[in-house]
C-alpha atoms as a PDB file:
ATOM      1  CA  MET A   1     -78.381  28.141 -52.560  1.00  0.00           C
ATOM      2  CA  SER A   2     -75.074  28.304 -54.464  1.00  0.00           C
ATOM      3  CA  VAL A   3     -71.795  26.975 -53.099  1.00  0.00           C
ATOM      4  CA  HIS A   4     -70.574  30.525 -52.439  1.00  0.00           C
ATOM      5  CA  GLU A   5     -73.757  31.431 -50.546  1.00  0.00           C
ATOM      6  CA  GLN A   6     -73.332  28.305 -48.440  1.00  0.00           C
ATOM      7  CA  PHE A   7     -69.953  29.551 -47.111  1.00  0.00           C
ATOM      8  CA  ALA A   8     -70.705  33.275 -47.170  1.00  0.00           C
ATOM      9  CA  GLU A   9     -72.084  33.172 -43.632  1.00  0.00           C
ATOM     10  CA  ASP A  10     -68.860  31.646 -42.255  1.00  0.00           C
ATOM     11  CA  LEU A  11     -66.462  34.048 -44.026  1.00  0.00           C
ATOM     12  CA  SER A  12     -67.136  36.930 -41.637  1.00  0.00           C
ATOM     13  CA  LEU A  13     -66.577  34.713 -38.569  1.00  0.00           C
ATOM     14  CA  TYR A  14     -63.438  33.258 -40.157  1.00  0.00           C
ATOM     15  CA  ALA A  15     -62.110  36.779 -40.716  1.00  0.00           C
ATOM     16  CA  LEU A  16     -62.809  37.539 -37.046  1.00  0.00           C
ATOM     17  CA  GLU A  17     -61.125  34.221 -35.994  1.00  0.00           C
ATOM     18  CA  ALA A  18     -64.316  33.182 -34.266  1.00  0.00           C
ATOM     19  CA  LEU A  19     -65.194  30.122 -36.361  1.00  0.00           C
ATOM     20  CA  GLY A  20     -65.288  26.685 -34.746  1.00  0.00           C
ATOM     21  CA  SER A  21     -62.650  24.086 -35.565  1.00  0.00           C
ATOM     22  CA  GLU A  22     -64.868  21.833 -37.703  1.00  0.00           C
ATOM     23  CA  GLU A  23     -66.455  24.714 -39.641  1.00  0.00           C
ATOM     24  CA  ARG A  24     -62.976  26.241 -40.047  1.00  0.00           C
ATOM     25  CA  ARG A  25     -61.578  23.029 -41.540  1.00  0.00           C
ATOM     26  CA  VAL A  26     -64.463  22.736 -44.047  1.00  0.00           C
ATOM     27  CA  LEU A  27     -64.206  26.392 -45.051  1.00  0.00           C
ATOM     28  CA  GLU A  28     -60.424  26.228 -45.530  1.00  0.00           C
ATOM     29  CA  GLU A  29     -60.850  23.222 -47.855  1.00  0.00           C
ATOM     30  CA  HIS A  30     -63.375  25.224 -49.853  1.00  0.00           C
ATOM     31  CA  LEU A  31     -61.102  28.279 -49.991  1.00  0.00           C
ATOM     32  CA  GLN A  32     -58.330  26.222 -51.581  1.00  0.00           C
ATOM     33  CA  GLY A  33     -60.450  25.706 -54.685  1.00  0.00           C
ATOM     34  CA  CYS A  34     -62.592  28.847 -54.694  1.00  0.00           C
ATOM     35  CA  ALA A  35     -60.918  32.049 -55.837  1.00  0.00           C
ATOM     36  CA  GLU A  36     -64.135  34.061 -55.463  1.00  0.00           C
ATOM     37  CA  CYS A  37     -64.428  33.240 -51.749  1.00  0.00           C
ATOM     38  CA  ARG A  38     -60.706  33.899 -51.242  1.00  0.00           C
ATOM     39  CA  ASP A  39     -61.129  37.365 -52.779  1.00  0.00           C
ATOM     40  CA  GLU A  40     -64.150  38.027 -50.548  1.00  0.00           C
ATOM     41  CA  LEU A  41     -62.169  36.939 -47.482  1.00  0.00           C
ATOM     42  CA  GLU A  42     -59.290  39.271 -48.370  1.00  0.00           C
ATOM     43  CA  LEU A  43     -61.708  42.167 -48.771  1.00  0.00           C
ATOM     44  CA  MET A  44     -63.183  41.435 -45.329  1.00  0.00           C
ATOM     45  CA  ARG A  45     -59.727  41.261 -43.752  1.00  0.00           C
ATOM     46  CA  GLY A  46     -58.860  44.559 -45.376  1.00  0.00           C
ATOM     47  CA  ASP A  47     -62.018  46.120 -44.009  1.00  0.00           C
ATOM     48  CA  LEU A  48     -61.148  44.800 -40.542  1.00  0.00           C
ATOM     49  CA  GLY A  49     -57.698  46.318 -40.799  1.00  0.00           C
ATOM     50  CA  LEU A  50     -59.126  49.702 -41.699  1.00  0.00           C
ATOM     51  CA  LEU A  51     -61.571  49.496 -38.799  1.00  0.00           C
ATOM     52  CA  GLY A  52     -58.743  48.627 -36.441  1.00  0.00           C
ATOM     53  CA  LEU A  53     -56.690  51.629 -37.590  1.00  0.00           C
ATOM     54  CA  SER A  54     -59.679  53.877 -37.147  1.00  0.00           C
ATOM     55  CA  ALA A  55     -60.109  53.083 -33.440  1.00  0.00           C
ATOM     56  CA  SER A  56     -58.234  56.230 -32.417  1.00  0.00           C
ATOM     57  CA  GLY A  57     -57.876  57.968 -35.748  1.00  0.00           C
ATOM     58  CA  ALA A  58     -59.935  59.251 -38.554  1.00  0.00           C
ATOM     59  CA  GLU A  59     -63.312  57.864 -39.490  1.00  0.00           C
ATOM     60  CA  PRO A  60     -62.839  54.681 -41.589  1.00  0.00           C
ATOM     61  CA  PRO A  61     -64.226  54.568 -45.060  1.00  0.00           C
ATOM     62  CA  ALA A  62     -67.979  54.053 -45.000  1.00  0.00           C
ATOM     63  CA  ARG A  63     -67.613  51.314 -47.608  1.00  0.00           C
ATOM     64  CA  SER A  64     -65.360  49.195 -45.344  1.00  0.00           C
ATOM     65  CA  ARG A  65     -67.572  49.580 -42.309  1.00  0.00           C
ATOM     66  CA  GLN A  66     -70.715  48.777 -44.260  1.00  0.00           C
ATOM     67  CA  ARG A  67     -69.212  45.705 -45.918  1.00  0.00           C
ATOM     68  CA  LEU A  68     -68.255  44.263 -42.569  1.00  0.00           C
ATOM     69  CA  LEU A  69     -71.623  45.046 -41.013  1.00  0.00           C
ATOM     70  CA  ASP A  70     -73.411  43.529 -43.972  1.00  0.00           C
ATOM     71  CA  ALA A  71     -71.305  40.356 -43.760  1.00  0.00           C
ATOM     72  CA  VAL A  72     -71.968  39.976 -40.074  1.00  0.00           C
ATOM     73  CA  ALA A  73     -75.672  40.711 -40.574  1.00  0.00           C
ATOM     74  CA  GLN A  74     -75.914  37.810 -43.019  1.00  0.00           C
ATOM     75  CA  GLU A  75     -75.006  35.421 -40.194  1.00  0.00           C
ATOM     76  CA  PRO A  76     -78.147  34.073 -38.460  1.00  0.00           C
ATOM     77  CA  ARG A  77     -78.589  35.602 -34.991  1.00  0.00           C
ATOM     78  CA  GLY A  78     -78.554  32.277 -33.174  1.00  0.00           C
ATOM     79  CA  ALA A  79     -75.416  31.129 -34.976  1.00  0.00           C
ATOM     80  CA  ARG A  80     -73.616  34.415 -34.213  1.00  0.00           C
ATOM     81  CA  LEU A  81     -74.430  34.121 -30.545  1.00  0.00           C
ATOM     82  CA  VAL A  82     -73.279  30.548 -30.313  1.00  0.00           C
ATOM     83  CA  ARG A  83     -70.227  30.651 -32.547  1.00  0.00           C
ATOM     84  CA  SER A  84     -68.870  34.026 -31.505  1.00  0.00           C
ATOM     85  CA  GLY A  85     -69.003  32.933 -27.896  1.00  0.00           C
ATOM     86  CA  ARG A  86     -66.907  29.837 -28.305  1.00  0.00           C
ATOM     87  CA  LYS A  87     -63.729  31.517 -27.145  1.00  0.00           C
ATOM     88  CA  SER A  88     -65.174  33.314 -24.109  1.00  0.00           C
ATOM     89  CA  GLY A  89     -68.890  32.559 -23.577  1.00  0.00           C
ATOM     90  CA  TRP A  90     -68.500  28.804 -23.490  1.00  0.00           C
ATOM     91  CA  TRP A  91     -65.698  29.072 -20.962  1.00  0.00           C
ATOM     92  CA  GLN A  92     -67.915  31.263 -18.809  1.00  0.00           C
ATOM     93  CA  VAL A  93     -70.763  28.762 -19.089  1.00  0.00           C
ATOM     94  CA  LEU A  94     -68.459  25.880 -18.211  1.00  0.00           C
ATOM     95  CA  GLU A  95     -67.018  27.759 -15.263  1.00  0.00           C
ATOM     96  CA  TRP A  96     -70.526  28.553 -14.024  1.00  0.00           C
ATOM     97  CA  ALA A  97     -71.657  24.950 -14.516  1.00  0.00           C
ATOM     98  CA  ALA A  98     -68.616  23.637 -12.656  1.00  0.00           C
ATOM     99  CA  GLY A  99     -69.285  26.012  -9.766  1.00  0.00           C
ATOM    100  CA  ALA A 100     -72.967  25.073  -9.658  1.00  0.00           C
ATOM    101  CA  ALA A 101     -72.095  21.375  -9.750  1.00  0.00           C
ATOM    102  CA  ALA A 102     -69.663  21.851  -6.863  1.00  0.00           C
ATOM    103  CA  VAL A 103     -72.374  23.584  -4.824  1.00  0.00           C
ATOM    104  CA  VAL A 104     -74.861  20.801  -5.592  1.00  0.00           C
ATOM    105  CA  VAL A 105     -72.343  18.116  -4.621  1.00  0.00           C
ATOM    106  CA  MET A 106     -71.547  19.970  -1.405  1.00  0.00           C
ATOM    107  CA  LEU A 107     -75.246  20.265  -0.520  1.00  0.00           C
ATOM    108  CA  LEU A 108     -75.789  16.570  -1.243  1.00  0.00           C
ATOM    109  CA  LEU A 109     -72.843  15.639   0.970  1.00  0.00           C
ATOM    110  CA  VAL A 110     -74.101  17.844   3.788  1.00  0.00           C
ATOM    111  CA  ARG A 111     -77.588  16.375   3.518  1.00  0.00           C
ATOM    112  CA  GLU A 112     -76.230  12.829   3.407  1.00  0.00           C
ATOM    113  CA  ASN A 113     -74.009  13.535   6.409  1.00  0.00           C
ATOM    114  CA  THR A 114     -76.974  14.957   8.339  1.00  0.00           C
ATOM    115  CA  SER A 115     -79.088  11.936   7.395  1.00  0.00           C
ATOM    116  CA  LEU A 116     -76.349   9.565   8.536  1.00  0.00           C
ATOM    117  CA  GLN A 117     -75.974  11.423  11.824  1.00  0.00           C
ATOM    118  CA  ARG A 118     -79.718  11.202  12.431  1.00  0.00           C
ATOM    119  CA  ARG A 119     -79.723   7.498  11.625  1.00  0.00           C
ATOM    120  CA  ILE A 120     -76.800   6.886  13.966  1.00  0.00           C
ATOM    121  CA  ALA A 121     -78.516   8.898  16.707  1.00  0.00           C
ATOM    122  CA  GLY A 122     -81.713   6.926  16.118  1.00  0.00           C
ATOM    123  CA  LEU A 123     -79.867   3.622  16.287  1.00  0.00           C
ATOM    124  CA  GLU A 124     -78.085   4.703  19.448  1.00  0.00           C
ATOM    125  CA  ALA A 125     -81.409   5.759  20.996  1.00  0.00           C
ATOM    126  CA  ASP A 126     -83.002   2.451  19.963  1.00  0.00           C
ATOM    127  CA  SER A 127     -80.042   0.586  21.392  1.00  0.00           C
ATOM    128  CA  GLU A 128     -80.268   2.490  24.672  1.00  0.00           C
ATOM    129  CA  ALA A 129     -84.024   1.862  24.862  1.00  0.00           C
ATOM    130  CA  GLN A 130     -83.524  -1.836  24.138  1.00  0.00           C
ATOM    131  CA  GLN A 131     -80.798  -2.041  26.756  1.00  0.00           C
ATOM    132  CA  ALA A 132     -83.086  -0.355  29.282  1.00  0.00           C
ATOM    133  CA  GLN A 133     -85.936  -2.727  28.425  1.00  0.00           C
ATOM    134  CA  LEU A 134     -83.606  -5.712  28.692  1.00  0.00           C
ATOM    135  CA  ALA A 135     -82.321  -4.543  32.077  1.00  0.00           C
ATOM    136  CA  GLN A 136     -85.881  -4.011  33.281  1.00  0.00           C
ATOM    137  CA  ALA A 137     -86.936  -7.447  32.057  1.00  0.00           C
ATOM    138  CA  LYS A 138     -83.957  -9.058  33.794  1.00  0.00           C
ATOM    139  CA  GLU A 139     -84.780  -7.198  37.008  1.00  0.00           C
ATOM    140  CA  LEU A 140     -88.414  -8.239  36.771  1.00  0.00           C
ATOM    141  CA  MET A 141     -87.543 -11.858  36.070  1.00  0.00           C
ATOM    142  CA  ALA A 142     -85.017 -11.963  38.913  1.00  0.00           C
ATOM    143  CA  SER A 143     -87.551 -10.530  41.358  1.00  0.00           C
ATOM    144  CA  LEU A 144     -90.391 -12.819  40.368  1.00  0.00           C
ATOM    145  CA  THR A 145     -88.256 -15.955  40.415  1.00  0.00           C
ATOM    146  CA  SER A 146     -86.605 -15.098  43.706  1.00  0.00           C
ATOM    147  CA  ALA A 147     -87.434 -16.910  46.944  1.00  0.00           C
ATOM    148  CA  ASP A 148     -89.097 -13.715  48.212  1.00  0.00           C
ATOM    149  CA  ALA A 149     -91.794 -13.713  45.489  1.00  0.00           C
ATOM    150  CA  GLU A 150     -95.272 -14.418  46.876  1.00  0.00           C
ATOM    151  CA  HIS A 151     -98.083 -15.909  44.762  1.00  0.00           C
ATOM    152  CA  PHE A 152    -101.751 -14.911  45.084  1.00  0.00           C
ATOM    153  CA  ILE A 153    -104.577 -16.682  43.235  1.00  0.00           C
ATOM    154  CA  LEU A 154    -107.801 -14.746  42.570  1.00  0.00           C
ATOM    155  CA  VAL A 155    -110.955 -16.614  41.482  1.00  0.00           C
ATOM    156  CA  ALA A 156    -114.530 -15.444  40.843  1.00  0.00           C
ATOM    157  CA  GLY A 157    -117.470 -17.851  40.670  1.00  0.00           C
ATOM    158  CA  LYS A 158    -117.553 -21.497  39.787  1.00  0.00           C
ATOM    159  CA  THR A 159    -119.236 -21.442  36.368  1.00  0.00           C
ATOM    160  CA  PRO A 160    -116.980 -21.740  33.292  1.00  0.00           C
ATOM    161  CA  PRO A 161    -115.467 -19.687  31.845  1.00  0.00           C
ATOM    162  CA  GLN A 162    -114.289 -18.879  35.340  1.00  0.00           C
ATOM    163  CA  PRO A 163    -112.538 -15.467  35.715  1.00  0.00           C
ATOM    164  CA  GLN A 164    -109.138 -15.970  37.254  1.00  0.00           C
ATOM    165  CA  GLY A 165    -106.175 -13.894  38.260  1.00  0.00           C
ATOM    166  CA  LYS A 166    -102.653 -14.501  39.538  1.00  0.00           C
ATOM    167  CA  ALA A 167    -100.467 -11.955  41.317  1.00  0.00           C
ATOM    168  CA  LEU A 168     -96.711 -12.339  41.883  1.00  0.00           C
ATOM    169  CA  TYR A 169     -95.581  -9.924  44.560  1.00  0.00           C
ATOM    170  CA  VAL A 170     -92.166  -9.131  46.066  1.00  0.00           C
ATOM    171  CA  ARG A 171     -92.641  -7.381  49.386  1.00  0.00           C
ATOM    172  CA  GLY A 172     -89.142  -5.925  49.755  1.00  0.00           C
ATOM    173  CA  SER A 173     -89.176  -4.037  46.429  1.00  0.00           C
ATOM    174  CA  GLY A 174     -92.924  -3.601  45.939  1.00  0.00           C
ATOM    175  CA  MET A 175     -92.625  -5.417  42.586  1.00  0.00           C
ATOM    176  CA  LEU A 176     -95.943  -6.765  41.291  1.00  0.00           C
ATOM    177  CA  VAL A 177     -97.076  -8.593  38.144  1.00  0.00           C
ATOM    178  CA  PHE A 178    -100.742  -9.481  37.766  1.00  0.00           C
ATOM    179  CA  LEU A 179    -102.222 -11.711  35.049  1.00  0.00           C
ATOM    180  CA  ALA A 180    -105.951 -12.182  34.479  1.00  0.00           C
ATOM    181  CA  GLY A 181    -108.052 -14.341  32.172  1.00  0.00           C
ATOM    182  CA  ASN A 182    -111.715 -14.780  31.239  1.00  0.00           C
ATOM    183  CA  MET A 183    -112.588 -11.362  32.604  1.00  0.00           C
ATOM    184  CA  PRO A 184    -116.143 -10.291  31.644  1.00  0.00           C
ATOM    185  CA  PRO A 185    -116.610  -7.145  29.523  1.00  0.00           C
ATOM    186  CA  LEU A 186    -116.998  -3.878  31.376  1.00  0.00           C
ATOM    187  CA  PRO A 187    -119.962  -1.504  31.291  1.00  0.00           C
ATOM    188  CA  PRO A 188    -119.359   1.831  29.544  1.00  0.00           C
ATOM    189  CA  GLU A 189    -117.062   4.261  31.365  1.00  0.00           C
ATOM    190  CA  ARG A 190    -116.013   1.635  33.915  1.00  0.00           C
ATOM    191  CA  ILE A 191    -112.676  -0.039  34.602  1.00  0.00           C
ATOM    192  CA  TYR A 192    -111.235  -2.845  36.718  1.00  0.00           C
ATOM    193  CA  GLU A 193    -109.042  -1.759  39.628  1.00  0.00           C
ATOM    194  CA  LEU A 194    -106.630  -4.062  41.447  1.00  0.00           C
ATOM    195  CA  TRP A 195    -106.101  -3.597  45.196  1.00  0.00           C
ATOM    196  CA  LEU A 196    -103.379  -4.712  47.558  1.00  0.00           C
ATOM    197  CA  ILE A 197    -105.001  -5.650  50.867  1.00  0.00           C
ATOM    198  CA  PRO A 198    -102.332  -5.117  53.549  1.00  0.00           C
ATOM    199  CA  SER A 199    -102.146  -6.945  56.860  1.00  0.00           C
ATOM    200  CA  THR A 200    -103.117  -3.672  58.518  1.00  0.00           C
ATOM    201  CA  GLY A 201    -104.620  -0.531  57.104  1.00  0.00           C
ATOM    202  CA  ALA A 202    -106.751   0.410  54.081  1.00  0.00           C
ATOM    203  CA  PRO A 203    -106.560  -1.194  50.608  1.00  0.00           C
ATOM    204  CA  ILE A 204    -103.826   0.249  48.382  1.00  0.00           C
ATOM    205  CA  PRO A 205    -104.532   0.927  44.653  1.00  0.00           C
ATOM    206  CA  ALA A 206    -102.406  -1.503  42.615  1.00  0.00           C
ATOM    207  CA  GLY A 207    -103.301  -0.685  38.991  1.00  0.00           C
ATOM    208  CA  LEU A 208    -106.130  -0.232  36.480  1.00  0.00           C
ATOM    209  CA  PHE A 209    -106.898  -2.483  33.531  1.00  0.00           C
ATOM    210  CA  LYS A 210    -109.434  -3.333  30.845  1.00  0.00           C
ATOM    211  CA  PRO A 211    -109.552  -6.854  29.379  1.00  0.00           C
ATOM    212  CA  GLY A 212    -108.918  -7.555  25.740  1.00  0.00           C
ATOM    213  CA  PRO A 213    -111.336  -9.368  23.381  1.00  0.00           C
ATOM    214  CA  GLY A 214    -110.477 -12.741  24.995  1.00  0.00           C
ATOM    215  CA  GLY A 215    -110.871 -11.430  28.535  1.00  0.00           C
ATOM    216  CA  ASP A 216    -107.096 -11.312  29.182  1.00  0.00           C
ATOM    217  CA  ALA A 217    -105.382  -8.464  31.036  1.00  0.00           C
ATOM    218  CA  THR A 218    -102.091  -7.641  32.736  1.00  0.00           C
ATOM    219  CA  VAL A 219    -100.763  -5.177  35.292  1.00  0.00           C
ATOM    220  CA  VAL A 220     -96.968  -4.903  35.408  1.00  0.00           C
ATOM    221  CA  LYS A 221     -94.927  -3.075  38.025  1.00  0.00           C
ATOM    222  CA  PRO A 222     -97.494  -0.554  39.319  1.00  0.00           C
ATOM    223  CA  ALA A 223     -96.406   2.177  41.721  1.00  0.00           C
ATOM    224  CA  LEU A 224     -96.491   0.424  45.091  1.00  0.00           C
ATOM    225  CA  PRO A 225     -94.634   1.300  48.285  1.00  0.00           C
ATOM    226  CA  ALA A 226     -91.861  -1.136  49.187  1.00  0.00           C
ATOM    227  CA  GLY A 227     -92.017  -3.272  52.297  1.00  0.00           C
ATOM    228  CA  VAL A 228     -95.808  -3.579  52.577  1.00  0.00           C
ATOM    229  CA  GLU A 229     -96.961  -6.998  53.747  1.00  0.00           C
ATOM    230  CA  ALA A 230     -99.814  -8.202  51.497  1.00  0.00           C
ATOM    231  CA  LYS A 231    -102.586 -10.238  53.039  1.00  0.00           C
ATOM    232  CA  ALA A 232    -104.574 -10.526  49.803  1.00  0.00           C
ATOM    233  CA  PHE A 233    -105.345  -8.922  46.444  1.00  0.00           C
ATOM    234  CA  ALA A 234    -108.813  -7.975  45.204  1.00  0.00           C
ATOM    235  CA  ILE A 235    -110.527  -6.504  42.112  1.00  0.00           C
ATOM    236  CA  THR A 236    -113.419  -4.046  41.981  1.00  0.00           C
ATOM    237  CA  VAL A 237    -115.243  -2.259  39.173  1.00  0.00           C
ATOM    238  CA  GLU A 238    -114.628   1.480  39.407  1.00  0.00           C
ATOM    239  CA  PRO A 239    -115.220   4.655  37.398  1.00  0.00           C
ATOM    240  CA  GLU A 240    -112.951   4.841  34.372  1.00  0.00           C
ATOM    241  CA  GLY A 241    -110.403   7.106  36.054  1.00  0.00           C
ATOM    242  CA  GLY A 242    -110.021   4.771  39.038  1.00  0.00           C
ATOM    243  CA  SER A 243    -110.629   5.423  42.720  1.00  0.00           C
ATOM    244  CA  ALA A 244    -108.448   6.122  45.742  1.00  0.00           C
ATOM    245  CA  ALA A 245    -110.556   3.646  47.759  1.00  0.00           C
ATOM    246  CA  PRO A 246    -112.940   0.862  46.675  1.00  0.00           C
ATOM    247  CA  THR A 247    -116.455   2.102  45.814  1.00  0.00           C
ATOM    248  CA  SER A 248    -118.005  -1.354  45.290  1.00  0.00           C
ATOM    249  CA  ALA A 249    -117.719  -4.862  46.633  1.00  0.00           C
ATOM    250  CA  PRO A 250    -114.830  -6.965  45.218  1.00  0.00           C
ATOM    251  CA  ILE A 251    -115.766  -9.244  42.313  1.00  0.00           C
ATOM    252  CA  MET A 252    -112.559 -11.259  42.800  1.00  0.00           C
ATOM    253  CA  ALA A 253    -110.230 -11.740  45.734  1.00  0.00           C
ATOM    254  CA  GLY A 254    -107.449 -14.126  46.686  1.00  0.00           C
ATOM    255  CA  ALA A 255    -105.013 -14.730  49.522  1.00  0.00           C
ATOM    256  CA  ARG A 256    -101.411 -15.907  49.394  1.00  0.00           C
ATOM    257  CA  SER A 257    -101.194 -19.457  48.061  1.00  0.00           C
END
């Protein structure tokens, strides 16, 4: 490729004032020392002038139109698309990109705000739940350590490991906590049921439980009527859903200690 051929592609864009700043600077330096390219540029500018005058007038000379079309055709398609769009296309692309970026930022902010609101709501819910649990624990502790709390010891058999149970009961509020240890495993589809034996009347269901691997079990604050005087507590083995009245003899029982 000769030196003139190297710059021939840029001459048409330079004549149309659509050449980039760096390419323009290089071409202008070449034009200062190249009379042949200067002559070619003047011919192209003349052709452009004739085409401009022909917009609303007579048909321009075919030679001028063809020279301009040929010069533009020599420019690679990709280069024409990129370079000729530098005055308008690039601004459109930048404007579109800026708008898209603004939308993305807005969506990210909305999503972050929603996430923060959910986290705050979750923390508030956790805090409320913890406060409720703390209040319940304080109420339970106050009831069980009060002078009104009654203690019942339940024992079964005399051979170690001896199953044992302890019930702490507050008559006025119906508050009950039962702790058991060394409880034997249950048969399939069976469950232990705790009973409050009142001074008068039938046994009252006081909770269901199954022991863990070590035989330990607890019943905390079952639904009991307030004000019932307890004579004793007892445990029976019942069907897994529990019973409204004992269906077997107690395996453990204990009176107030």
